[in-house]
Amino acid sequence: MKAVIASIALPLLAAAAPAPAATPSAANPPAFGVMSVRSASPIHYMQMNAAGQKFYLGGTTASYCPSIDGIVCPLVTRPFSLQADVEVPGGQQVYVDPTGALSFTQAHSASIPAGSAVGGLVYETGQPWSHYSFNGWGAQGFMACPTTDNRWQVFAAMQNATVPSGDVADCLGFSAIALTYSGDIPAWQYI
């Protein structure tokens, strides 16, 4: 499986050479958001959000749009949308950092910390729901770990992750349901 990567071509190039729409598949996933499923838990049905170059269940998405003439910024009314769903030239890439945290690159940068995993992120098509997971480093999907600000940070589900509380036993594994997103591009960039 190829890694799910959040990136887009320069808008000018996309307009100059439009490609036919590909059928969504595991190799070519659509833009999607993630909802956690873990029955009888505080994270059941929570949306995944992007903030501070990390992912969280709970809280709000953090985004930025430059105030430049001619740029029309989308309203961020939904959580982070994975795959090619930002307007910033060069896009943003999703990876798992060396601590095990699900992370994304800063806009205009392909810089990823040494020792990070850019592979192992998997989009699995399914009916009625598709799923998103991480199967690198011996992980079995994702887990959400409590933070001091009432959010749950998303990590690869592995015993040696460096989590906010310092104890992986505080984390809850969850199924990451991939909800297809087909609206306008939801953000210029995530921060």
N, C-alpha and C. Protein backbone atom coordinates (compact mmCIF):
# COMPACT_ATOMS: atom_id res chain seq x y z
N MET A 1 0.84 -1.18 0.00
CA MET A 1 0.00 0.00 0.00
C MET A 1 0.88 1.23 0.00
N LYS A 2 0.50 2.18 -0.75
CA LYS A 2 1.26 3.43 -0.77
C LYS A 2 0.83 4.31 0.39
N ALA A 3 1.71 5.15 0.81
CA ALA A 3 1.40 6.09 1.89
C ALA A 3 0.37 7.10 1.42
N VAL A 4 -0.47 7.47 2.33
CA VAL A 4 -1.42 8.53 2.02
C VAL A 4 -0.67 9.83 2.23
N ILE A 5 -0.61 10.63 1.22
CA ILE A 5 0.17 11.86 1.28
C ILE A 5 -0.72 13.03 0.93
N ALA A 6 -0.65 14.06 1.76
CA ALA A 6 -1.44 15.25 1.49
C ALA A 6 -0.58 16.21 0.69
N SER A 7 -0.84 16.34 -0.64
CA SER A 7 -0.11 17.29 -1.47
C SER A 7 -0.93 17.63 -2.69
N ILE A 8 -0.69 18.81 -3.25
CA ILE A 8 -1.36 19.20 -4.48
C ILE A 8 -0.37 19.88 -5.39
N ALA A 9 -0.64 19.86 -6.70
CA ALA A 9 0.20 20.56 -7.66
C ALA A 9 -0.11 22.03 -7.59
N LEU A 10 0.77 22.86 -8.12
CA LEU A 10 0.52 24.29 -8.16
C LEU A 10 -0.78 24.54 -8.90
N PRO A 11 -1.64 25.42 -8.39
CA PRO A 11 -2.92 25.67 -9.04
C PRO A 11 -2.79 26.03 -10.52
N LEU A 12 -1.75 26.77 -10.87
CA LEU A 12 -1.56 27.14 -12.27
C LEU A 12 -1.32 25.92 -13.13
N LEU A 13 -0.48 25.01 -12.67
CA LEU A 13 -0.22 23.80 -13.42
C LEU A 13 -1.47 22.92 -13.52
N ALA A 14 -2.22 22.86 -12.45
CA ALA A 14 -3.44 22.06 -12.46
C ALA A 14 -4.43 22.61 -13.47
N ALA A 15 -4.52 23.93 -13.56
CA ALA A 15 -5.44 24.54 -14.52
C ALA A 15 -4.95 24.36 -15.95
N ALA A 16 -3.63 24.38 -16.13
CA ALA A 16 -3.07 24.27 -17.47
C ALA A 16 -3.18 22.86 -18.03
N ALA A 17 -3.11 21.87 -17.20
CA ALA A 17 -3.14 20.49 -17.67
C ALA A 17 -4.04 19.65 -16.79
N PRO A 18 -5.36 19.86 -16.87
CA PRO A 18 -6.24 19.08 -16.00
C PRO A 18 -6.22 17.60 -16.35
N ALA A 19 -6.17 16.78 -15.32
CA ALA A 19 -6.19 15.33 -15.52
C ALA A 19 -7.60 14.83 -15.32
N PRO A 20 -7.96 13.74 -16.01
CA PRO A 20 -9.29 13.19 -15.77
C PRO A 20 -9.40 12.69 -14.35
N ALA A 21 -10.59 12.80 -13.77
CA ALA A 21 -10.81 12.37 -12.39
C ALA A 21 -10.62 10.86 -12.30
N ALA A 22 -9.82 10.44 -11.34
CA ALA A 22 -9.57 9.02 -11.14
C ALA A 22 -10.62 8.45 -10.20
N THR A 23 -10.92 7.20 -10.38
CA THR A 23 -11.85 6.53 -9.50
C THR A 23 -11.17 6.28 -8.16
N PRO A 24 -11.79 6.69 -7.04
CA PRO A 24 -11.16 6.46 -5.74
C PRO A 24 -10.89 4.97 -5.50
N SER A 25 -9.73 4.68 -4.95
CA SER A 25 -9.34 3.31 -4.63
C SER A 25 -8.29 3.38 -3.53
N ALA A 26 -7.82 2.23 -3.06
CA ALA A 26 -6.77 2.21 -2.05
C ALA A 26 -5.50 2.86 -2.57
N ALA A 27 -5.20 2.70 -3.87
CA ALA A 27 -4.01 3.29 -4.46
C ALA A 27 -4.21 4.77 -4.78
N ASN A 28 -5.44 5.19 -4.94
CA ASN A 28 -5.77 6.58 -5.29
C ASN A 28 -6.95 7.03 -4.43
N PRO A 29 -6.72 7.25 -3.13
CA PRO A 29 -7.84 7.59 -2.25
C PRO A 29 -8.39 8.98 -2.53
N PRO A 30 -9.66 9.18 -2.25
CA PRO A 30 -10.25 10.51 -2.38
C PRO A 30 -9.82 11.36 -1.19
N ALA A 31 -10.13 12.64 -1.21
CA ALA A 31 -9.95 13.46 -0.02
C ALA A 31 -10.90 12.92 1.05
N PHE A 32 -10.45 12.87 2.28
CA PHE A 32 -11.30 12.33 3.33
C PHE A 32 -10.94 12.90 4.69
N GLY A 33 -11.92 12.90 5.57
CA GLY A 33 -11.72 13.22 6.97
C GLY A 33 -11.79 11.93 7.75
N VAL A 34 -11.50 11.98 9.04
CA VAL A 34 -11.50 10.76 9.86
C VAL A 34 -12.39 10.95 11.07
N MET A 35 -13.18 9.93 11.36
CA MET A 35 -14.00 9.86 12.56
C MET A 35 -13.54 8.63 13.34
N SER A 36 -13.35 8.80 14.65
CA SER A 36 -12.92 7.67 15.48
C SER A 36 -14.13 6.85 15.91
N VAL A 37 -13.93 5.55 15.97
CA VAL A 37 -14.97 4.66 16.48
C VAL A 37 -14.35 3.77 17.55
N ARG A 38 -14.86 3.92 18.76
CA ARG A 38 -14.51 3.06 19.89
C ARG A 38 -15.69 3.12 20.86
N SER A 39 -16.54 2.12 20.78
CA SER A 39 -17.77 2.10 21.57
C SER A 39 -17.50 2.29 23.05
N ALA A 40 -18.46 2.93 23.71
CA ALA A 40 -18.44 3.15 25.16
C ALA A 40 -17.14 3.80 25.64
N SER A 41 -16.66 4.78 24.87
CA SER A 41 -15.45 5.49 25.26
C SER A 41 -15.64 6.99 25.03
N PRO A 42 -14.80 7.82 25.63
CA PRO A 42 -14.92 9.26 25.42
C PRO A 42 -14.52 9.72 24.02
N ILE A 43 -13.92 8.83 23.21
CA ILE A 43 -13.51 9.24 21.85
C ILE A 43 -14.44 8.72 20.77
N HIS A 44 -15.51 8.04 21.16
CA HIS A 44 -16.43 7.46 20.17
C HIS A 44 -17.07 8.57 19.32
N TYR A 45 -16.96 8.44 18.01
CA TYR A 45 -17.52 9.37 17.01
C TYR A 45 -16.88 10.76 17.03
N MET A 46 -15.65 10.88 17.49
CA MET A 46 -14.97 12.18 17.45
C MET A 46 -14.30 12.36 16.09
N GLN A 47 -14.26 13.61 15.63
CA GLN A 47 -13.61 13.94 14.37
C GLN A 47 -12.13 14.21 14.61
N MET A 48 -11.28 13.80 13.64
CA MET A 48 -9.87 14.10 13.73
C MET A 48 -9.62 15.51 13.20
N ASN A 49 -8.85 16.29 13.96
CA ASN A 49 -8.52 17.67 13.60
C ASN A 49 -7.01 17.85 13.54
N ALA A 50 -6.59 18.85 12.77
CA ALA A 50 -5.17 19.18 12.64
C ALA A 50 -4.88 20.48 13.37
N ALA A 51 -3.82 20.47 14.16
CA ALA A 51 -3.39 21.68 14.87
C ALA A 51 -1.95 21.49 15.32
N GLY A 52 -1.13 22.50 15.14
CA GLY A 52 0.25 22.42 15.60
C GLY A 52 1.05 21.31 14.93
N GLN A 53 0.74 21.01 13.69
CA GLN A 53 1.40 19.97 12.89
C GLN A 53 1.20 18.56 13.45
N LYS A 54 0.17 18.39 14.28
CA LYS A 54 -0.20 17.08 14.83
C LYS A 54 -1.69 16.87 14.60
N PHE A 55 -2.19 15.69 14.93
CA PHE A 55 -3.60 15.36 14.78
C PHE A 55 -4.20 15.05 16.14
N TYR A 56 -5.45 15.47 16.31
CA TYR A 56 -6.16 15.30 17.58
C TYR A 56 -7.60 14.87 17.35
N LEU A 57 -8.15 14.17 18.30
CA LEU A 57 -9.59 13.95 18.38
C LEU A 57 -10.06 14.99 19.39
N GLY A 58 -11.03 15.78 19.02
CA GLY A 58 -11.47 16.89 19.86
C GLY A 58 -10.70 18.14 19.50
N GLY A 59 -11.11 19.25 20.07
CA GLY A 59 -10.48 20.52 19.74
C GLY A 59 -10.96 21.01 18.38
N THR A 60 -10.24 21.97 17.83
CA THR A 60 -10.61 22.53 16.54
C THR A 60 -9.42 22.49 15.59
N THR A 61 -9.73 22.52 14.31
CA THR A 61 -8.70 22.56 13.29
C THR A 61 -8.06 23.95 13.27
N ALA A 62 -6.74 24.00 13.13
CA ALA A 62 -6.01 25.26 13.03
C ALA A 62 -5.56 25.44 11.58
N SER A 63 -5.94 26.56 10.98
CA SER A 63 -5.56 26.81 9.60
C SER A 63 -5.15 28.27 9.43
N TYR A 64 -4.56 28.56 8.29
CA TYR A 64 -4.07 29.90 7.99
C TYR A 64 -4.32 30.20 6.53
N CYS A 65 -4.59 31.47 6.25
CA CYS A 65 -4.71 31.92 4.87
C CYS A 65 -4.04 33.28 4.77
N PRO A 66 -3.14 33.46 3.82
CA PRO A 66 -2.47 34.76 3.70
C PRO A 66 -3.43 35.83 3.21
N SER A 67 -3.18 37.06 3.62
CA SER A 67 -4.01 38.16 3.14
C SER A 67 -3.30 38.82 1.95
N ILE A 68 -3.44 38.17 0.81
CA ILE A 68 -2.82 38.61 -0.43
C ILE A 68 -3.93 38.87 -1.43
N ASP A 69 -3.85 40.00 -2.13
CA ASP A 69 -4.86 40.31 -3.15
C ASP A 69 -4.99 39.15 -4.12
N GLY A 70 -6.21 38.81 -4.44
CA GLY A 70 -6.48 37.76 -5.41
C GLY A 70 -6.65 36.38 -4.81
N ILE A 71 -6.26 36.19 -3.54
CA ILE A 71 -6.43 34.88 -2.90
C ILE A 71 -7.76 34.88 -2.16
N VAL A 72 -8.58 33.94 -2.51
CA VAL A 72 -9.86 33.77 -1.82
C VAL A 72 -9.71 32.55 -0.91
N CYS A 73 -9.82 32.79 0.37
CA CYS A 73 -9.61 31.71 1.33
C CYS A 73 -10.91 30.97 1.60
N PRO A 74 -10.80 29.65 1.65
CA PRO A 74 -11.98 28.86 2.03
C PRO A 74 -12.26 29.03 3.51
N LEU A 75 -13.50 28.81 3.87
CA LEU A 75 -13.87 28.81 5.29
C LEU A 75 -13.61 27.42 5.83
N VAL A 76 -12.88 27.33 6.90
CA VAL A 76 -12.61 26.02 7.49
C VAL A 76 -13.78 25.70 8.41
N THR A 77 -14.65 24.85 7.93
CA THR A 77 -15.84 24.48 8.70
C THR A 77 -15.84 22.99 9.01
N ARG A 78 -14.79 22.31 8.67
CA ARG A 78 -14.72 20.88 8.90
C ARG A 78 -13.32 20.49 9.31
N PRO A 79 -13.13 19.29 9.84
CA PRO A 79 -11.81 18.86 10.25
C PRO A 79 -10.84 18.73 9.08
N PHE A 80 -9.61 18.50 9.41
CA PHE A 80 -8.56 18.27 8.41
C PHE A 80 -9.04 17.25 7.40
N SER A 81 -8.84 17.54 6.14
CA SER A 81 -9.18 16.59 5.09
C SER A 81 -7.90 16.03 4.53
N LEU A 82 -7.72 14.73 4.64
CA LEU A 82 -6.50 14.10 4.17
C LEU A 82 -6.55 13.91 2.66
N GLN A 83 -5.39 13.77 2.09
CA GLN A 83 -5.16 13.66 0.66
C GLN A 83 -5.08 15.06 0.09
N ALA A 84 -5.24 15.29 -1.14
CA ALA A 84 -4.92 16.57 -1.79
C ALA A 84 -5.94 17.66 -1.50
N ASP A 85 -6.02 18.12 -0.26
CA ASP A 85 -7.08 19.05 0.06
C ASP A 85 -6.64 20.33 0.77
N VAL A 86 -5.58 20.94 0.28
CA VAL A 86 -5.18 22.28 0.70
C VAL A 86 -4.83 23.05 -0.56
N GLU A 87 -4.93 24.37 -0.49
CA GLU A 87 -4.63 25.18 -1.66
C GLU A 87 -3.18 25.62 -1.73
N VAL A 88 -2.45 25.60 -0.62
CA VAL A 88 -1.08 26.10 -0.60
C VAL A 88 -0.23 25.35 -1.62
N PRO A 89 0.53 26.09 -2.45
CA PRO A 89 1.40 25.43 -3.43
C PRO A 89 2.36 24.45 -2.75
N GLY A 90 2.46 23.27 -3.28
CA GLY A 90 3.33 22.25 -2.71
C GLY A 90 2.62 21.32 -1.76
N GLY A 91 1.46 21.73 -1.26
CA GLY A 91 0.67 20.88 -0.38
C GLY A 91 1.31 20.62 0.96
N GLN A 92 0.77 19.66 1.69
CA GLN A 92 1.27 19.25 2.99
C GLN A 92 1.22 17.73 3.05
N GLN A 93 2.25 17.13 3.66
CA GLN A 93 2.38 15.68 3.70
C GLN A 93 2.09 15.14 5.10
N VAL A 94 1.44 13.99 5.16
CA VAL A 94 1.14 13.33 6.42
C VAL A 94 2.18 12.23 6.66
N TYR A 95 2.64 12.11 7.92
CA TYR A 95 3.64 11.10 8.28
C TYR A 95 3.50 10.76 9.76
N VAL A 96 4.21 9.75 10.20
CA VAL A 96 4.29 9.40 11.63
C VAL A 96 5.68 9.77 12.09
N ASP A 97 5.77 10.66 13.09
CA ASP A 97 7.08 11.14 13.55
C ASP A 97 7.76 10.10 14.45
N PRO A 98 9.02 10.29 14.79
CA PRO A 98 9.74 9.28 15.58
C PRO A 98 9.13 8.96 16.94
N THR A 99 8.29 9.85 17.49
CA THR A 99 7.63 9.56 18.77
C THR A 99 6.41 8.67 18.58
N GLY A 100 5.97 8.52 17.32
CA GLY A 100 4.76 7.76 17.01
C GLY A 100 3.57 8.65 16.72
N ALA A 101 3.72 9.97 16.84
CA ALA A 101 2.61 10.90 16.63
C ALA A 101 2.29 11.05 15.14
N LEU A 102 1.00 11.00 14.80
CA LEU A 102 0.55 11.28 13.44
C LEU A 102 0.73 12.78 13.24
N SER A 103 1.45 13.16 12.19
CA SER A 103 1.88 14.54 12.00
C SER A 103 1.71 14.97 10.56
N PHE A 104 1.89 16.27 10.31
CA PHE A 104 1.88 16.78 8.93
C PHE A 104 2.92 17.88 8.79
N THR A 105 3.42 18.04 7.56
CA THR A 105 4.47 19.02 7.31
C THR A 105 3.93 20.43 7.32
N GLN A 106 4.82 21.36 7.60
CA GLN A 106 4.51 22.77 7.49
C GLN A 106 4.33 23.08 6.01
N ALA A 107 3.49 24.04 5.68
CA ALA A 107 3.30 24.44 4.29
C ALA A 107 4.62 24.94 3.71
N HIS A 108 4.79 24.75 2.42
CA HIS A 108 5.98 25.17 1.68
C HIS A 108 7.24 24.42 2.11
N SER A 109 7.09 23.31 2.79
CA SER A 109 8.26 22.56 3.25
C SER A 109 8.00 21.07 3.11
N ALA A 110 9.00 20.37 2.64
CA ALA A 110 8.92 18.91 2.59
C ALA A 110 9.72 18.32 3.74
N SER A 111 10.11 19.15 4.70
CA SER A 111 10.95 18.72 5.81
C SER A 111 10.18 17.81 6.76
N ILE A 112 10.70 16.61 6.92
CA ILE A 112 10.14 15.61 7.82
C ILE A 112 11.27 15.17 8.75
N PRO A 113 11.04 15.09 10.05
CA PRO A 113 12.12 14.70 10.98
C PRO A 113 12.74 13.35 10.61
N ALA A 114 14.06 13.25 10.77
CA ALA A 114 14.75 11.98 10.53
C ALA A 114 14.13 10.90 11.40
N GLY A 115 14.00 9.71 10.86
CA GLY A 115 13.43 8.61 11.61
C GLY A 115 11.93 8.51 11.55
N SER A 116 11.28 9.40 10.78
CA SER A 116 9.82 9.37 10.63
C SER A 116 9.42 8.32 9.60
N ALA A 117 8.17 7.91 9.64
CA ALA A 117 7.63 6.96 8.67
C ALA A 117 6.71 7.71 7.70
N VAL A 118 7.05 7.68 6.42
CA VAL A 118 6.15 8.25 5.42
C VAL A 118 5.38 7.13 4.73
N GLY A 119 5.79 5.91 4.93
CA GLY A 119 5.07 4.75 4.43
C GLY A 119 4.29 4.12 5.56
N GLY A 120 3.45 3.18 5.23
CA GLY A 120 2.69 2.47 6.25
C GLY A 120 1.33 3.07 6.54
N LEU A 121 1.07 4.29 6.03
CA LEU A 121 -0.27 4.88 6.18
C LEU A 121 -1.14 4.29 5.08
N VAL A 122 -2.28 3.74 5.46
CA VAL A 122 -3.08 2.95 4.53
C VAL A 122 -4.52 3.44 4.48
N TYR A 123 -5.03 3.62 3.28
CA TYR A 123 -6.45 3.90 3.05
C TYR A 123 -7.04 2.62 2.48
N GLU A 124 -8.05 2.06 3.16
CA GLU A 124 -8.69 0.82 2.72
C GLU A 124 -10.12 1.10 2.33
N THR A 125 -10.45 0.85 1.07
CA THR A 125 -11.83 1.06 0.62
C THR A 125 -12.71 -0.01 1.25
N GLY A 126 -13.94 0.35 1.52
CA GLY A 126 -14.85 -0.61 2.12
C GLY A 126 -16.29 -0.16 1.98
N GLN A 127 -17.20 -1.03 2.33
CA GLN A 127 -18.62 -0.74 2.30
C GLN A 127 -19.22 -1.08 3.65
N PRO A 128 -19.94 -0.25 4.32
CA PRO A 128 -20.29 1.09 3.85
C PRO A 128 -19.22 2.13 4.11
N TRP A 129 -18.18 1.81 4.91
CA TRP A 129 -17.16 2.79 5.26
C TRP A 129 -15.79 2.35 4.81
N SER A 130 -14.97 3.32 4.48
CA SER A 130 -13.56 3.06 4.24
C SER A 130 -12.82 3.30 5.55
N HIS A 131 -11.57 2.84 5.63
CA HIS A 131 -10.79 2.96 6.86
C HIS A 131 -9.41 3.54 6.56
N TYR A 132 -8.84 4.17 7.55
CA TYR A 132 -7.49 4.73 7.48
C TYR A 132 -6.70 4.12 8.61
N SER A 133 -5.48 3.69 8.35
CA SER A 133 -4.70 3.06 9.41
C SER A 133 -3.21 3.23 9.16
N PHE A 134 -2.44 2.80 10.12
CA PHE A 134 -0.98 2.79 10.02
C PHE A 134 -0.52 1.40 10.37
N ASN A 135 0.27 0.79 9.48
CA ASN A 135 0.75 -0.56 9.75
C ASN A 135 2.27 -0.64 9.73
N GLY A 136 2.97 0.49 9.89
CA GLY A 136 4.43 0.48 9.99
C GLY A 136 4.87 0.24 11.42
N TRP A 137 6.13 -0.07 11.60
CA TRP A 137 6.76 -0.22 12.92
C TRP A 137 6.03 -1.20 13.83
N GLY A 138 5.32 -2.16 13.27
CA GLY A 138 4.60 -3.14 14.08
C GLY A 138 3.31 -2.62 14.68
N ALA A 139 2.89 -1.42 14.27
CA ALA A 139 1.65 -0.82 14.80
C ALA A 139 0.44 -1.52 14.20
N GLN A 140 -0.64 -1.45 14.92
CA GLN A 140 -1.93 -1.97 14.47
C GLN A 140 -2.93 -0.82 14.44
N GLY A 141 -2.81 0.11 13.51
CA GLY A 141 -3.73 1.23 13.41
C GLY A 141 -3.30 2.40 14.27
N PHE A 142 -4.30 3.06 14.87
CA PHE A 142 -4.06 4.27 15.64
C PHE A 142 -4.58 4.13 17.07
N MET A 143 -4.06 5.00 17.92
CA MET A 143 -4.58 5.13 19.28
C MET A 143 -4.66 6.62 19.59
N ALA A 144 -5.54 6.97 20.50
CA ALA A 144 -5.71 8.36 20.93
C ALA A 144 -5.28 8.44 22.38
N CYS A 145 -4.43 9.45 22.67
CA CYS A 145 -3.87 9.58 24.01
C CYS A 145 -4.30 10.91 24.61
N PRO A 146 -4.77 10.90 25.87
CA PRO A 146 -5.26 12.13 26.48
C PRO A 146 -4.16 13.18 26.65
N THR A 147 -4.56 14.43 26.48
CA THR A 147 -3.66 15.56 26.69
C THR A 147 -4.17 16.37 27.87
N THR A 148 -3.43 17.36 28.29
CA THR A 148 -3.84 18.18 29.42
C THR A 148 -4.90 19.22 29.04
N ASP A 149 -5.19 19.37 27.74
CA ASP A 149 -6.17 20.37 27.30
C ASP A 149 -7.47 19.74 26.77
N ASN A 150 -7.81 18.57 27.27
CA ASN A 150 -9.07 17.89 26.94
C ASN A 150 -9.19 17.45 25.49
N ARG A 151 -8.06 17.27 24.81
CA ARG A 151 -8.06 16.66 23.48
C ARG A 151 -7.39 15.30 23.61
N TRP A 152 -7.44 14.53 22.54
CA TRP A 152 -6.78 13.24 22.47
C TRP A 152 -5.84 13.27 21.27
N GLN A 153 -4.53 13.17 21.51
CA GLN A 153 -3.58 13.20 20.41
C GLN A 153 -3.52 11.83 19.74
N VAL A 154 -3.43 11.83 18.41
CA VAL A 154 -3.43 10.59 17.64
C VAL A 154 -1.99 10.10 17.43
N PHE A 155 -1.77 8.83 17.75
CA PHE A 155 -0.47 8.16 17.60
C PHE A 155 -0.66 6.84 16.87
N ALA A 156 0.44 6.33 16.30
CA ALA A 156 0.44 4.96 15.81
C ALA A 156 0.25 4.07 17.03
N ALA A 157 -0.56 3.04 16.90
CA ALA A 157 -0.85 2.14 18.03
C ALA A 157 0.34 1.20 18.25
N MET A 158 1.31 1.68 19.03
CA MET A 158 2.50 0.88 19.32
C MET A 158 2.94 1.13 20.76
N GLN A 159 3.50 0.13 21.37
CA GLN A 159 3.84 0.18 22.79
C GLN A 159 4.95 1.15 23.14
N ASN A 160 5.82 1.50 22.19
CA ASN A 160 6.94 2.38 22.52
C ASN A 160 6.72 3.82 22.06
N ALA A 161 5.48 4.21 21.83
CA ALA A 161 5.18 5.61 21.47
C ALA A 161 5.47 6.51 22.67
N THR A 162 5.89 7.72 22.40
CA THR A 162 6.14 8.71 23.45
C THR A 162 4.90 9.59 23.55
N VAL A 163 4.00 9.26 24.46
CA VAL A 163 2.69 9.89 24.56
C VAL A 163 2.67 10.99 25.62
N PRO A 164 1.68 11.91 25.55
CA PRO A 164 1.65 13.05 26.48
C PRO A 164 1.73 12.69 27.96
N SER A 165 1.04 11.64 28.39
CA SER A 165 1.05 11.30 29.81
C SER A 165 2.27 10.49 30.21
N GLY A 166 3.01 10.00 29.22
CA GLY A 166 4.16 9.14 29.50
C GLY A 166 3.81 7.68 29.65
N ASP A 167 2.51 7.33 29.60
CA ASP A 167 2.07 5.95 29.79
C ASP A 167 1.11 5.54 28.67
N VAL A 168 1.56 4.64 27.80
CA VAL A 168 0.75 4.18 26.67
C VAL A 168 -0.55 3.52 27.15
N ALA A 169 -0.57 3.02 28.38
CA ALA A 169 -1.78 2.40 28.92
C ALA A 169 -2.93 3.40 29.04
N ASP A 170 -2.63 4.70 29.03
CA ASP A 170 -3.67 5.73 29.10
C ASP A 170 -4.37 5.93 27.75
N CYS A 171 -3.81 5.37 26.69
CA CYS A 171 -4.32 5.59 25.33
C CYS A 171 -5.39 4.57 24.97
N LEU A 172 -6.24 4.95 24.03
CA LEU A 172 -7.32 4.08 23.56
C LEU A 172 -7.16 3.82 22.06
N GLY A 173 -7.08 2.57 21.69
CA GLY A 173 -7.06 2.22 20.27
C GLY A 173 -8.42 2.53 19.68
N PHE A 174 -8.44 2.88 18.40
CA PHE A 174 -9.72 3.17 17.75
C PHE A 174 -9.67 2.81 16.28
N SER A 175 -10.83 2.60 15.72
CA SER A 175 -10.97 2.40 14.28
C SER A 175 -11.15 3.77 13.65
N ALA A 176 -10.33 4.08 12.66
CA ALA A 176 -10.38 5.38 11.98
C ALA A 176 -11.22 5.24 10.72
N ILE A 177 -12.46 5.69 10.81
CA ILE A 177 -13.37 5.62 9.66
C ILE A 177 -13.05 6.78 8.72
N ALA A 178 -12.79 6.48 7.46
CA ALA A 178 -12.45 7.50 6.46
C ALA A 178 -13.74 7.96 5.79
N LEU A 179 -14.10 9.21 6.03
CA LEU A 179 -15.32 9.78 5.48
C LEU A 179 -14.96 10.64 4.27
N THR A 180 -15.39 10.21 3.09
CA THR A 180 -15.07 10.91 1.85
C THR A 180 -15.54 12.35 1.91
N TYR A 181 -14.68 13.24 1.44
CA TYR A 181 -14.99 14.67 1.39
C TYR A 181 -15.00 15.10 -0.06
N SER A 182 -16.11 15.70 -0.51
CA SER A 182 -16.21 16.09 -1.91
C SER A 182 -16.55 17.56 -2.11
N GLY A 183 -16.45 18.36 -1.08
CA GLY A 183 -16.75 19.78 -1.19
C GLY A 183 -15.57 20.57 -1.71
N ASP A 184 -15.65 21.89 -1.55
CA ASP A 184 -14.55 22.76 -1.92
C ASP A 184 -13.33 22.45 -1.06
N ILE A 185 -12.16 22.84 -1.55
CA ILE A 185 -10.95 22.66 -0.76
C ILE A 185 -11.16 23.38 0.57
N PRO A 186 -11.00 22.68 1.71
CA PRO A 186 -11.39 23.25 2.99
C PRO A 186 -10.42 24.23 3.63
N ALA A 187 -9.18 24.35 3.15
CA ALA A 187 -8.24 25.26 3.79
C ALA A 187 -7.12 25.65 2.85
N TRP A 188 -6.56 26.84 3.06
CA TRP A 188 -5.37 27.23 2.31
C TRP A 188 -4.21 26.37 2.80
N GLN A 189 -4.00 26.34 4.11
CA GLN A 189 -3.02 25.45 4.72
C GLN A 189 -3.42 25.20 6.16
N TYR A 190 -2.96 24.05 6.69
CA TYR A 190 -3.17 23.73 8.09
C TYR A 190 -1.91 24.11 8.86
N ILE A 191 -2.09 24.58 10.10
CA ILE A 191 -0.93 24.99 10.90
C ILE A 191 -0.92 24.26 12.23
